[in-house]
Protein backbone atom coordinates (compact mmCIF):
# COMPACT_ATOMS: atom_id res chain seq x y z
CA MET A 1 -37.22 17.88 19.67
CA SER A 2 -34.58 19.52 21.88
CA THR A 3 -31.87 21.80 20.60
CA GLY A 4 -30.04 21.85 23.95
CA GLY A 5 -27.21 19.70 22.62
CA SER A 6 -26.56 21.84 19.57
CA GLU A 7 -26.81 25.02 21.66
CA ARG A 8 -24.23 23.62 24.08
CA GLU A 9 -21.99 22.64 21.17
CA ALA A 10 -22.32 26.12 19.69
CA ALA A 11 -21.56 27.74 23.05
CA ALA A 12 -18.53 25.48 23.51
CA GLY A 13 -17.32 26.32 20.01
CA ILE A 14 -17.72 30.04 20.65
CA ALA A 15 -15.88 29.72 23.98
CA GLN A 16 -13.07 27.83 22.27
CA LEU A 17 -12.81 30.47 19.56
CA GLU A 18 -12.84 33.22 22.18
CA GLY A 19 -10.07 31.45 24.08
CA TYR A 20 -8.02 31.12 20.92
CA LEU A 21 -8.45 34.80 20.08
CA LEU A 22 -7.57 35.86 23.63
CA TRP A 23 -4.43 33.72 23.57
CA GLN A 24 -3.42 35.14 20.19
CA ALA A 25 -3.88 38.64 21.61
CA GLU A 26 -1.72 37.65 24.60
CA LEU A 27 1.01 36.35 22.27
CA ALA A 28 0.89 39.54 20.21
CA GLY A 29 0.96 41.66 23.37
CA ALA A 30 3.94 39.75 24.73
CA ARG A 31 5.81 40.19 21.46
CA ALA A 32 5.03 43.91 21.30
CA GLU A 33 6.08 44.38 24.92
CA ALA A 34 9.32 42.49 24.27
CA GLU A 35 10.14 44.58 21.23
CA LEU A 36 9.48 47.82 23.13
CA PHE A 37 11.71 46.63 25.95
CA ALA A 38 14.53 45.65 23.60
CA ALA A 39 14.22 48.90 21.62
CA ARG A 40 14.87 50.96 24.77
CA LEU A 41 18.22 49.31 25.34
CA THR A 42 20.92 51.22 23.57
CA GLY A 43 24.22 49.76 22.49
CA LEU A 44 22.79 46.48 21.20
CA SER A 45 23.12 45.27 17.65
CA GLU A 46 19.95 44.43 15.76
CA GLU A 47 20.75 40.74 16.21
CA GLN A 48 21.19 41.17 19.97
CA ARG A 49 18.03 43.24 20.18
CA ALA A 50 16.08 40.56 18.28
CA GLU A 51 17.52 37.81 20.51
CA LEU A 52 16.63 39.77 23.66
CA ALA A 53 13.11 40.39 22.37
CA ASP A 54 12.70 36.69 21.59
CA ARG A 55 13.83 35.65 25.09
CA TYR A 56 11.69 38.29 26.77
CA ALA A 57 8.62 37.22 24.77
CA GLU A 58 9.26 33.55 25.62
CA GLU A 59 9.48 34.34 29.34
CA ARG A 60 6.40 36.52 29.22
CA ILE A 61 4.43 33.82 27.40
CA ALA A 62 5.60 31.17 29.87
CA LEU A 63 4.44 33.39 32.74
CA SER A 64 1.08 33.94 31.06
CA ARG A 65 0.69 30.19 30.57
CA ARG A 66 1.49 29.48 34.26
CA VAL A 67 -1.00 32.11 35.41
CA LEU A 68 -3.67 30.82 33.04
CA VAL A 69 -3.18 27.23 34.22
CA ALA A 70 -3.37 28.34 37.86
CA VAL A 71 -6.58 30.29 37.23
CA ALA A 72 -8.13 27.37 35.33
CA ASP A 73 -7.20 24.98 38.15
CA ARG A 74 -8.77 27.31 40.69
CA CYS A 75 -11.92 27.61 38.59
CA ARG A 76 -12.24 23.83 38.42
CA GLY A 77 -11.73 23.62 42.17
CA LEU A 78 -14.39 26.24 42.82
CA GLN A 79 -16.77 24.52 40.43
CA ALA A 80 -16.36 21.24 42.31
CA GLU A 81 -16.73 22.99 45.67
CA TYR A 82 -19.90 24.82 44.64
CA THR A 83 -21.34 21.70 43.02
CA ASP A 84 -20.88 19.86 46.32
CA ARG A 85 -22.42 22.75 48.26
CA TYR A 86 -25.38 22.87 45.88
CA ARG A 87 -25.99 19.12 46.25
CA CYS A 88 -25.85 19.40 50.04
CA LEU A 89 -28.21 22.37 50.06
CA ARG A 90 -30.59 20.60 47.69
CA ARG A 91 -30.65 17.54 49.98
CA ARG A 92 -31.35 19.75 52.99
CA VAL A 93 -34.20 21.55 51.23
CA LEU A 94 -35.72 18.25 50.07
CA CYS A 95 -35.46 16.83 53.59
CA ALA A 96 -37.07 19.93 55.06
CA ALA A 97 -39.87 19.75 52.49
CA ALA A 98 -40.40 16.05 53.20
CA CYS A 99 -40.53 16.76 56.95
CA ALA A 100 -43.06 19.53 56.38
CA VAL A 101 -45.23 17.22 54.28
CA LEU A 102 -45.00 14.46 56.90
CA ALA A 103 -45.89 16.93 59.64
CA ALA A 104 -48.89 18.16 57.65
CA VAL A 105 -50.05 14.60 56.99
CA SER A 106 -49.62 13.70 60.67
CA LEU A 107 -51.63 16.74 61.76
CA ALA A 108 -54.35 15.96 59.24
CA ALA A 109 -54.48 12.33 60.34
CA GLY A 110 -54.57 13.33 63.99
CA SER A 111 -57.30 15.85 63.34
CA LEU A 112 -59.28 13.26 61.39
CA LEU A 113 -58.94 10.77 64.26
CA LEU A 114 -60.13 13.35 66.79
CA THR A 115 -63.14 14.29 64.74
CA THR A 116 -64.16 10.68 64.09
CA ARG A 117 -63.84 9.75 67.78
CA GLY A 118 -65.59 12.78 69.07
């Protein structure tokens, strides 16, 4: 009985939870950064400060989302590239091994022919 499937499901669940927690931390960080930025601006009413903080946080979150999507796209691209490279390398190694086996069989057959004729 294999537990590979349940281990993969558990790992995927943990990764999803980790992603959720990281994104929540990013949202909280963006909000805190926005509030610090707005607090440094003097001469604004509380309503203006809150509006500015909201807009800043929205822009910061949008930027984070764009960066995250770009990184994820690049990771998928690299995964595909390395998968292709691995397949090519595996084929080359298998071909080299097959050639080595054929060469060994040919040498053995040739040696056997020489010894039976001689």
